[in-house]
């Protein structure tokens, strides 16, 4: 029964993915659908197989003791149905609300002209700021010959790192700005939406700064930040370039995934172990880390725990928590428990580790099955609206509108993993991290300061503003 459920759900998701692709011809939707499927249903195939043949479950069995054991019962079947229904309803909403590719307004000229020096400066300053804030703990790890990731994680548990949130924000901005800038540069001299300078030193500067940031982030174990930046760069390049080099993209994507696999290896090694031949890293280490990743299981289990233990619904508590999060902590207003906290407490999750809750589970905890349908329609409608803004990008729009229309749909699609691995409270992060932040970076880079405009003529793009 469970194999049949998974097979039918997979076939339906794939069919709607192809229909949306044929209608829009946008790579963003298939990537987002793949993320929804991976974190919702992919783990089910492995779990059902392992239980059926009584195989070893080394990747996720520890969650049985820290969260709850999983059995192939009616609760698990209902969980699969709700997960599949959530994805299919998102896809159906997108399909219903998006125009065909022929109906979109394709412009012959880019709608924005950016200054790469601005993005490079933002990348450099934010990366340096992030390093300065975390440097004492890097030195502590070096002095004690301990892995940086483990040292910082232990400090985080005791809340002993001041400004850690600022450090995370700065490294995220640095990686995102660099990825957007490099992808825009690689889009060629006649891109679809965003154009910029073509000097070779820009490419060299981007590569040096981004490789340095990638190494720094790997030591800190920031796999999700690196993945988001890599995927944003690849998807934005495919979106912005009129003639993307797909073989190059596949090569970069493959190398990027291997690099992410090495993050799991590197973050477990002391700094002194990274010198010379002491590291002894092999390509198989990265492949093993990728294959043995437990990303597909923590969130996949969440709705089963809610159904099995029959947790009471919260009737909109997530939205009270979401609204209260907009009030600064300095005002001393107590913040209600979010859906993840309620879930972890309800299933009696073992403390000392961060688990995952799926977006589907968060909506179910608020309003039950109707909440799952409501959450899917809301997410699909927002996604389709962003696509319509992108598809109808108009060079006559006000500058912020052009920047938002050009980039927001791409970053929202790439950010689907951030959304699916959180409850409805994720929409605060959607607005800030997936919409305002990337669009703000593009907007800043779209202004070029000219001290003597008569001696510094504008580029051929007539829509590039000058302060």
Protein backbone atom coordinates (compact mmCIF):
# COMPACT_ATOMS: atom_id res chain seq x y z
CA UNK A 1 0.00 0.00 0.00
CA UNK A 2 2.71 2.47 0.93
CA UNK A 3 4.70 1.85 -2.24
CA UNK A 4 1.51 2.40 -4.25
CA UNK A 5 0.80 5.67 -2.41
CA UNK A 6 4.31 6.92 -3.02
CA UNK A 7 4.25 5.81 -6.66
CA UNK A 8 0.93 7.51 -7.45
CA UNK A 9 1.99 10.68 -5.63
CA UNK A 10 5.32 10.77 -7.45
CA UNK A 11 3.69 10.29 -10.85
CA UNK A 12 1.17 13.05 -10.13
CA UNK A 13 3.84 15.48 -8.93
CA UNK A 14 5.98 14.76 -12.00
CA UNK A 15 3.02 15.23 -14.35
CA UNK A 16 2.07 18.61 -12.90
CA UNK A 17 5.71 19.66 -12.92
CA UNK A 18 5.88 18.99 -16.66
CA UNK A 19 2.61 20.87 -17.24
CA UNK A 20 3.87 23.93 -15.36
CA UNK A 21 7.18 23.74 -17.24
CA UNK A 22 5.45 23.59 -20.62
CA UNK A 23 3.29 26.57 -19.68
CA UNK A 24 6.00 28.84 -18.26
CA UNK A 25 9.33 27.48 -19.57
CA UNK A 26 10.87 28.61 -16.28
CA UNK A 27 13.44 26.43 -14.52
CA UNK A 28 12.46 27.99 -11.19
CA UNK A 29 9.24 26.02 -10.76
CA UNK A 30 10.77 22.53 -11.31
CA UNK A 31 13.54 23.37 -8.84
CA UNK A 32 11.03 24.49 -6.23
CA UNK A 33 8.83 21.43 -6.82
CA UNK A 34 11.88 19.18 -6.47
CA UNK A 35 12.62 20.75 -3.07
CA UNK A 36 9.02 20.24 -1.94
CA UNK A 37 9.17 16.59 -2.99
CA UNK A 38 12.60 15.92 -1.49
CA UNK A 39 11.80 17.19 2.00
CA UNK A 40 8.24 15.83 2.03
CA UNK A 41 8.11 12.46 0.25
CA UNK A 42 11.62 11.37 -0.75
CA UNK A 43 12.43 10.00 2.70
CA UNK A 44 9.35 7.80 2.52
CA UNK A 45 10.81 5.62 -0.23
CA UNK A 46 13.90 4.82 1.85
CA UNK A 47 11.96 4.28 5.07
CA UNK A 48 9.35 1.97 3.50
CA UNK A 49 12.09 -0.05 1.79
CA UNK A 50 14.18 -0.36 4.94
CA UNK A 51 11.25 -1.47 7.09
CA UNK A 52 10.02 -3.91 4.44
CA UNK A 53 13.36 -5.74 4.15
CA UNK A 54 14.46 -5.09 7.75
CA UNK A 55 17.53 -3.20 6.52
CA UNK A 56 19.89 -1.05 8.57
CA UNK A 57 18.60 2.46 9.21
CA UNK A 58 21.79 4.18 10.25
CA UNK A 59 20.90 7.51 8.62
CA UNK A 60 17.79 8.16 10.64
CA UNK A 61 17.31 5.49 13.32
CA UNK A 62 18.75 7.82 15.99
CA UNK A 63 15.63 9.95 15.43
CA UNK A 64 13.51 7.03 16.67
CA UNK A 65 15.00 7.47 20.13
CA UNK A 66 15.27 11.27 20.10
CA UNK A 67 11.81 11.85 18.62
CA UNK A 68 9.57 8.78 18.23
CA UNK A 69 9.63 5.42 16.41
CA UNK A 70 7.97 5.14 12.99
CA UNK A 71 5.62 2.34 11.98
CA UNK A 72 3.90 1.68 8.66
CA UNK A 73 0.37 2.18 9.95
CA UNK A 74 -2.70 4.27 9.10
CA UNK A 75 -1.10 7.42 10.56
CA UNK A 76 1.84 7.03 8.20
CA UNK A 77 -0.50 6.50 5.24
CA UNK A 78 -2.49 9.64 6.18
CA UNK A 79 0.78 11.55 6.49
CA UNK A 80 1.80 10.55 2.95
CA UNK A 81 -1.62 11.57 1.60
CA UNK A 82 -1.41 15.00 3.26
CA UNK A 83 2.16 15.59 2.08
CA UNK A 84 1.25 14.64 -1.49
CA UNK A 85 -1.94 16.69 -1.39
CA UNK A 86 -0.02 19.74 -0.17
CA UNK A 87 2.44 19.58 -3.08
CA UNK A 88 -0.23 18.85 -5.69
CA UNK A 89 -2.44 21.69 -4.51
CA UNK A 90 0.51 24.09 -4.73
CA UNK A 91 1.20 22.90 -8.26
CA UNK A 92 -2.46 23.12 -9.26
CA UNK A 93 -2.70 26.68 -7.93
CA UNK A 94 0.44 27.68 -9.82
CA UNK A 95 -0.84 26.08 -13.01
CA UNK A 96 -4.22 27.82 -12.71
CA UNK A 97 -2.80 31.29 -11.94
CA UNK A 98 0.17 31.53 -14.31
CA UNK A 99 -0.07 32.75 -17.91
CA UNK A 100 1.47 30.76 -20.72
CA UNK A 101 4.99 31.58 -21.88
CA UNK A 102 3.60 33.20 -25.03
CA UNK A 103 1.59 35.67 -22.94
CA UNK A 104 4.63 37.06 -21.13
CA UNK A 105 6.16 40.35 -22.15
CA UNK A 106 9.72 39.63 -23.23
CA UNK A 107 11.81 42.78 -23.49
CA UNK A 108 14.65 43.13 -25.93
CA UNK A 109 16.77 45.22 -23.55
CA UNK A 110 17.80 44.67 -19.90
CA UNK A 111 15.64 46.53 -17.40
CA UNK A 112 18.47 47.19 -14.92
CA UNK A 113 22.12 48.16 -15.13
CA UNK A 114 24.17 47.39 -12.00
CA UNK A 115 27.57 48.44 -10.72
CA UNK A 116 29.54 45.27 -9.94
CA UNK A 117 31.88 47.26 -7.71
CA UNK A 118 28.97 47.90 -5.36
CA UNK A 119 28.16 44.20 -5.03
CA UNK A 120 31.83 43.35 -4.60
CA UNK A 121 32.16 45.95 -1.86
CA UNK A 122 29.08 44.63 -0.06
CA UNK A 123 30.40 41.07 -0.32
CA UNK A 124 33.82 42.05 1.00
CA UNK A 125 32.59 44.23 3.88
CA UNK A 126 29.93 41.80 5.07
CA UNK A 127 32.34 38.88 4.85
CA UNK A 128 34.96 40.81 6.83
CA UNK A 129 32.38 41.84 9.42
CA UNK A 130 31.24 38.26 9.86
CA UNK A 131 34.84 37.12 10.34
CA UNK A 132 35.56 39.83 12.93
CA UNK A 133 32.54 38.85 15.02
CA UNK A 134 33.41 35.14 15.06
CA UNK A 135 37.23 35.46 15.15
CA UNK A 136 37.64 34.96 18.94
CA UNK A 137 35.98 31.55 18.68
CA UNK A 138 38.09 30.61 15.67
CA UNK A 139 41.18 31.41 17.74
CA UNK A 140 39.76 29.40 20.65
CA UNK A 141 39.23 26.38 18.42
CA UNK A 142 42.77 26.74 17.05
CA UNK A 143 44.27 27.01 20.54
CA UNK A 144 42.40 23.93 21.77
CA UNK A 145 42.93 22.02 18.50
CA UNK A 146 39.18 21.50 18.15
CA UNK A 147 36.89 21.64 15.10
CA UNK A 148 35.53 25.15 14.58
CA UNK A 149 32.00 23.91 13.92
CA UNK A 150 31.82 21.89 17.15
CA UNK A 151 33.32 24.70 19.23
CA UNK A 152 30.86 27.29 17.94
CA UNK A 153 27.90 24.90 18.19
CA UNK A 154 28.65 24.24 21.86
CA UNK A 155 28.89 27.96 22.51
CA UNK A 156 25.57 28.51 20.73
CA UNK A 157 23.81 26.03 23.01
CA UNK A 158 24.83 28.08 26.04
CA UNK A 159 24.12 31.38 24.18
CA UNK A 160 27.69 32.47 24.88
CA UNK A 161 28.30 34.10 21.49
CA UNK A 162 27.21 37.74 21.38
CA UNK A 163 26.01 39.11 18.02
CA UNK A 164 25.85 35.60 16.57
CA UNK A 165 22.67 36.51 14.70
CA UNK A 166 24.46 39.51 13.18
CA UNK A 167 27.33 37.24 12.14
CA UNK A 168 24.88 34.87 10.42
CA UNK A 169 23.16 37.75 8.66
CA UNK A 170 26.44 39.20 7.41
CA UNK A 171 27.79 35.92 6.01
CA UNK A 172 24.43 35.28 4.34
CA UNK A 173 24.44 38.73 2.71
CA UNK A 174 28.05 38.32 1.58
CA UNK A 175 27.42 34.97 -0.12
CA UNK A 176 24.15 36.14 -1.69
CA UNK A 177 25.57 39.40 -3.04
CA UNK A 178 28.55 37.60 -4.52
CA UNK A 179 26.39 34.89 -6.11
CA UNK A 180 24.02 37.43 -7.69
CA UNK A 181 26.90 39.54 -8.93
CA UNK A 182 28.90 36.68 -10.42
CA UNK A 183 25.82 35.20 -12.11
CA UNK A 184 24.93 38.61 -13.56
CA UNK A 185 28.47 39.04 -14.89
CA UNK A 186 28.44 35.54 -16.42
CA UNK A 187 25.14 36.27 -18.20
CA UNK A 188 27.00 37.94 -21.06
CA UNK A 189 26.82 41.30 -22.78
CA UNK A 190 23.15 40.94 -23.78
CA UNK A 191 21.33 39.51 -20.73
CA UNK A 192 17.56 39.40 -20.31
CA UNK A 193 17.08 41.51 -17.20
CA UNK A 194 20.24 42.74 -15.47
CA UNK A 195 23.36 44.02 -17.19
CA UNK A 196 26.65 45.40 -15.86
CA UNK A 197 30.33 46.02 -16.54
CA UNK A 198 32.39 43.50 -18.48
CA UNK A 199 35.93 44.07 -17.19
CA UNK A 200 37.93 40.87 -16.59
CA UNK A 201 39.16 42.07 -13.22
CA UNK A 202 35.55 41.87 -11.97
CA UNK A 203 35.53 38.12 -12.64
CA UNK A 204 38.86 37.69 -10.86
CA UNK A 205 37.64 39.70 -7.87
CA UNK A 206 34.41 37.72 -7.61
CA UNK A 207 36.25 34.39 -7.75
CA UNK A 208 38.83 35.32 -5.12
CA UNK A 209 36.31 36.74 -2.66
CA UNK A 210 33.73 33.98 -3.13
CA UNK A 211 36.25 31.14 -2.85
CA UNK A 212 37.57 32.71 0.37
CA UNK A 213 34.04 33.03 1.74
CA UNK A 214 33.26 29.44 0.72
CA UNK A 215 36.27 28.15 2.63
CA UNK A 216 35.40 30.27 5.67
CA UNK A 217 31.77 29.10 5.58
CA UNK A 218 32.87 25.47 5.24
CA UNK A 219 34.91 25.71 8.43
CA UNK A 220 31.82 27.08 10.18
CA UNK A 221 29.68 24.27 8.75
CA UNK A 222 27.26 26.65 7.01
CA UNK A 223 26.02 24.15 4.46
CA UNK A 224 22.56 25.64 4.03
CA UNK A 225 23.91 29.15 3.41
CA UNK A 226 26.35 27.81 0.83
CA UNK A 227 23.64 25.75 -0.85
CA UNK A 228 21.29 28.75 -1.05
CA UNK A 229 24.00 30.97 -2.54
CA UNK A 230 25.09 28.30 -5.05
CA UNK A 231 21.54 27.58 -6.18
CA UNK A 232 20.68 31.28 -6.39
CA UNK A 233 23.70 31.93 -8.59
CA UNK A 234 22.97 29.00 -10.91
CA UNK A 235 19.25 29.73 -11.27
CA UNK A 236 19.76 33.47 -11.69
CA UNK A 237 22.31 32.82 -14.42
CA UNK A 238 19.91 30.48 -16.24
CA UNK A 239 17.16 33.08 -15.86
CA UNK A 240 19.17 36.15 -16.82
CA UNK A 241 21.30 34.80 -19.68
CA UNK A 242 19.84 34.62 -23.16
CA UNK A 243 22.25 31.86 -24.18
CA UNK A 244 23.25 29.99 -21.00
CA UNK A 245 26.01 27.43 -21.24
CA UNK A 246 24.18 24.47 -19.81
CA UNK A 247 27.15 22.11 -19.75
CA UNK A 248 29.09 24.67 -17.74
CA UNK A 249 26.14 25.01 -15.36
CA UNK A 250 25.96 21.23 -14.92
CA UNK A 251 29.69 21.09 -14.20
CA UNK A 252 29.53 23.94 -11.69
CA UNK A 253 26.46 22.43 -10.06
CA UNK A 254 28.15 19.03 -9.73
CA UNK A 255 31.31 20.53 -8.29
CA UNK A 256 29.21 22.64 -5.94
CA UNK A 257 27.37 19.59 -4.62
CA UNK A 258 30.68 17.81 -4.04
CA UNK A 259 31.94 20.88 -2.21
CA UNK A 260 28.84 20.77 0.01
CA UNK A 261 29.63 17.13 0.74
CA UNK A 262 33.12 18.16 1.83
CA UNK A 263 31.58 20.64 4.29
CA UNK A 264 30.41 17.72 6.44
CA UNK A 265 33.97 16.37 6.37
CA UNK A 266 35.81 19.63 6.92
CA UNK A 267 33.68 20.88 9.80
CA UNK A 268 34.54 17.78 11.84
CA UNK A 269 38.31 18.37 11.51
CA UNK A 270 40.42 20.68 13.73
CA UNK A 271 42.11 23.60 12.01
CA UNK A 272 45.52 22.00 12.44
CA UNK A 273 44.23 18.90 10.63
CA UNK A 274 43.58 20.96 7.49
CA UNK A 275 47.26 21.70 6.95
CA UNK A 276 49.38 19.77 4.49
CA UNK A 277 48.76 16.06 4.13
CA UNK A 278 47.11 15.79 7.51
CA UNK A 279 43.64 16.30 6.13
CA UNK A 280 43.74 13.31 3.80
CA UNK A 281 40.43 14.17 2.14
CA UNK A 282 39.20 11.99 -0.71
CA UNK A 283 36.52 12.49 -3.31
CA UNK A 284 34.71 9.48 -1.88
CA UNK A 285 34.43 11.31 1.46
CA UNK A 286 32.27 14.01 -0.15
CA UNK A 287 30.17 11.47 -2.04
CA UNK A 288 29.64 9.42 1.12
CA UNK A 289 28.62 12.55 3.05
CA UNK A 290 26.06 13.45 0.38
CA UNK A 291 24.63 9.93 0.10
CA UNK A 292 24.41 9.44 3.87
CA UNK A 293 22.80 12.82 4.54
CA UNK A 294 19.74 12.68 6.80
CA UNK A 295 18.18 15.86 5.37
CA UNK A 296 15.20 13.95 3.97
CA UNK A 297 14.08 12.45 7.28
CA UNK A 298 13.77 14.91 10.18
CA UNK A 299 11.01 16.95 8.58
CA UNK A 300 9.45 13.91 6.91
CA UNK A 301 8.79 12.36 10.32
CA UNK A 302 7.17 15.47 11.85
CA UNK A 303 3.54 15.03 10.78
CA UNK A 304 3.61 11.37 11.80
CA UNK A 305 4.45 12.37 15.36
CA UNK A 306 1.60 14.89 15.40
CA UNK A 307 -0.91 12.31 14.11
CA UNK A 308 0.36 9.45 16.24
CA UNK A 309 0.25 11.44 19.48
CA UNK A 310 -2.92 13.31 18.48
CA UNK A 311 -1.58 16.73 19.39
CA UNK A 312 -4.35 19.34 19.89
CA UNK A 313 -4.67 22.00 17.19
CA UNK A 314 -3.49 25.51 18.06
CA UNK A 315 -6.06 27.39 15.93
CA UNK A 316 -3.83 30.10 14.56
CA UNK A 317 -1.17 30.32 17.28
CA UNK A 318 1.53 30.44 14.57
CA UNK A 319 0.13 33.70 13.26
CA UNK A 320 0.08 35.25 16.73
CA UNK A 321 3.72 34.21 17.04
CA UNK A 322 4.43 35.59 13.57
CA UNK A 323 2.83 38.96 14.39
CA UNK A 324 4.58 39.23 17.76
CA UNK A 325 7.96 38.56 16.15
CA UNK A 326 7.69 41.95 14.45
CA UNK A 327 7.84 43.64 17.90
CA UNK A 328 11.46 44.25 19.05
CA UNK A 329 12.50 42.24 22.09
CA UNK A 330 13.55 45.47 23.79
CA UNK A 331 9.86 46.23 24.45
CA UNK A 332 9.66 43.12 26.63
CA UNK A 333 6.53 41.76 24.96
CA UNK A 334 6.38 37.97 25.52
CA UNK A 335 6.43 35.92 22.34
CA UNK A 336 4.06 32.98 22.04
CA UNK A 337 5.45 29.56 21.21
CA UNK A 338 5.87 28.93 17.49
CA UNK A 339 4.76 25.75 15.73
CA UNK A 340 8.18 24.14 15.97
CA UNK A 341 8.40 24.71 19.73
CA UNK A 342 4.88 23.37 20.19
CA UNK A 343 5.71 20.32 18.09
CA UNK A 344 9.00 19.56 19.87
CA UNK A 345 7.33 19.89 23.26
CA UNK A 346 4.30 17.86 22.22
CA UNK A 347 6.29 14.87 20.93
CA UNK A 348 8.75 15.19 23.83
CA UNK A 349 11.77 15.60 21.57
CA UNK A 350 15.09 15.05 23.30
CA UNK A 351 16.79 18.37 24.11
CA UNK A 352 20.23 19.40 22.89
CA UNK A 353 19.51 19.09 19.17
CA UNK A 354 17.55 21.06 16.58
CA UNK A 355 14.98 19.04 14.66
CA UNK A 356 12.82 19.92 11.66
CA UNK A 357 9.14 20.55 11.13
CA UNK A 358 7.61 20.63 7.66
CA UNK A 359 5.50 23.52 6.43
CA UNK A 360 2.67 21.03 5.97
CA UNK A 361 2.92 19.97 9.61
CA UNK A 362 2.88 23.58 10.79
CA UNK A 363 -0.33 24.31 8.89
CA UNK A 364 -1.90 21.08 10.17
CA UNK A 365 -1.11 22.01 13.77
CA UNK A 366 -2.94 25.31 13.28
CA UNK A 367 -6.12 24.27 11.44
CA UNK A 368 -5.98 20.55 10.70
CA UNK A 369 -6.60 19.27 7.17
CA UNK A 370 -8.26 22.56 6.06
CA UNK A 371 -5.09 24.32 7.20
CA UNK A 372 -2.98 22.10 4.93
CA UNK A 373 -5.18 23.09 1.96
CA UNK A 374 -5.11 26.78 2.94
CA UNK A 375 -1.33 26.79 3.29
CA UNK A 376 -0.85 25.14 -0.10
CA UNK A 377 -3.15 27.59 -1.90
CA UNK A 378 -1.49 30.57 -0.21
CA UNK A 379 2.00 29.41 -1.13
CA UNK A 380 0.99 28.58 -4.71
CA UNK A 381 -0.84 31.89 -5.19
CA UNK A 382 2.14 33.91 -3.91
CA UNK A 383 4.52 31.96 -6.12
CA UNK A 384 2.31 32.47 -9.19
CA UNK A 385 1.96 36.20 -8.46
CA UNK A 386 5.73 36.62 -8.27
CA UNK A 387 6.03 34.79 -11.59
CA UNK A 388 3.52 37.15 -13.23
CA UNK A 389 5.54 40.15 -12.04
CA UNK A 390 8.72 38.58 -13.39
CA UNK A 391 7.15 37.54 -16.70
CA UNK A 392 5.80 41.03 -17.28
CA UNK A 393 8.95 42.91 -16.21
CA UNK A 394 8.58 46.40 -17.66
CA UNK A 395 11.53 48.78 -18.17
CA UNK A 396 9.19 51.72 -17.57
CA UNK A 397 8.43 50.69 -14.01
CA UNK A 398 9.80 52.59 -11.05
CA UNK A 399 13.30 51.28 -10.23
CA UNK A 400 12.37 49.28 -7.07
CA UNK A 401 9.55 47.64 -9.01
CA UNK A 402 11.93 46.61 -11.79
CA UNK A 403 14.42 45.17 -9.33
CA UNK A 404 11.71 43.22 -7.47
CA UNK A 405 10.09 41.92 -10.65
CA UNK A 406 13.41 40.77 -12.09
CA UNK A 407 14.82 38.91 -9.07
CA UNK A 408 12.14 38.14 -6.44
CA UNK A 409 10.59 35.21 -8.33
CA UNK A 410 14.01 33.58 -8.69
CA UNK A 411 15.06 33.95 -5.04
CA UNK A 412 11.63 32.88 -3.77
CA UNK A 413 11.81 29.71 -5.87
CA UNK A 414 15.34 28.94 -4.69
CA UNK A 415 14.23 29.60 -1.10
CA UNK A 416 11.52 26.92 -1.13
CA UNK A 417 13.76 24.66 1.05
CA UNK A 418 13.73 27.42 3.69
CA UNK A 419 9.94 27.56 3.54
CA UNK A 420 9.20 23.83 3.51
CA UNK A 421 11.39 23.21 6.59
CA UNK A 422 9.46 25.60 8.83
CA UNK A 423 5.89 26.32 9.89
CA UNK A 424 3.76 29.30 8.79
CA UNK A 425 6.19 31.51 10.75
CA UNK A 426 8.54 31.07 7.79
CA UNK A 427 6.78 33.94 6.02
CA UNK A 428 8.71 36.45 8.10
CA UNK A 429 11.92 35.00 6.68
CA UNK A 430 10.35 34.88 3.22
CA UNK A 431 9.74 38.63 3.25
CA UNK A 432 13.16 39.51 4.67
CA UNK A 433 15.57 36.87 3.34
CA UNK A 434 13.98 35.86 0.05
CA UNK A 435 12.41 39.12 -1.10
CA UNK A 436 13.62 42.32 0.59
CA UNK A 437 17.28 41.34 1.03
CA UNK A 438 18.13 40.14 -2.53
CA UNK A 439 16.00 42.85 -4.14
CA UNK A 440 17.63 45.43 -1.88
CA UNK A 441 21.09 44.27 -2.94
CA UNK A 442 20.14 44.54 -6.61
CA UNK A 443 18.60 47.94 -6.00
CA UNK A 444 21.72 49.26 -4.26
CA UNK A 445 23.88 48.05 -7.12
CA UNK A 446 21.54 49.70 -9.62
CA UNK A 447 22.53 53.17 -8.46
CA UNK A 448 25.90 54.48 -9.64
CA UNK A 449 27.40 57.55 -8.06
CA UNK A 450 28.84 60.01 -10.57
CA UNK A 451 30.82 62.98 -9.26
CA UNK A 452 31.37 64.54 -12.69
CA UNK A 453 28.61 63.22 -14.93
CA UNK A 454 29.75 65.22 -17.94
CA UNK A 455 33.08 63.41 -17.95
CA UNK A 456 31.62 60.00 -17.19
CA UNK A 457 29.00 59.18 -19.81
CA UNK A 458 26.21 56.78 -19.04
CA UNK A 459 26.30 53.27 -20.49
CA UNK A 460 24.03 52.49 -23.38
CA UNK A 461 21.27 51.23 -21.08
CA UNK A 462 18.98 54.23 -20.91
CA UNK A 463 17.23 52.97 -17.81
CA UNK A 464 20.27 52.98 -15.50
CA UNK A 465 19.76 55.68 -12.83
CA UNK A 466 22.50 57.97 -11.57
CA UNK A 467 22.68 59.69 -8.22
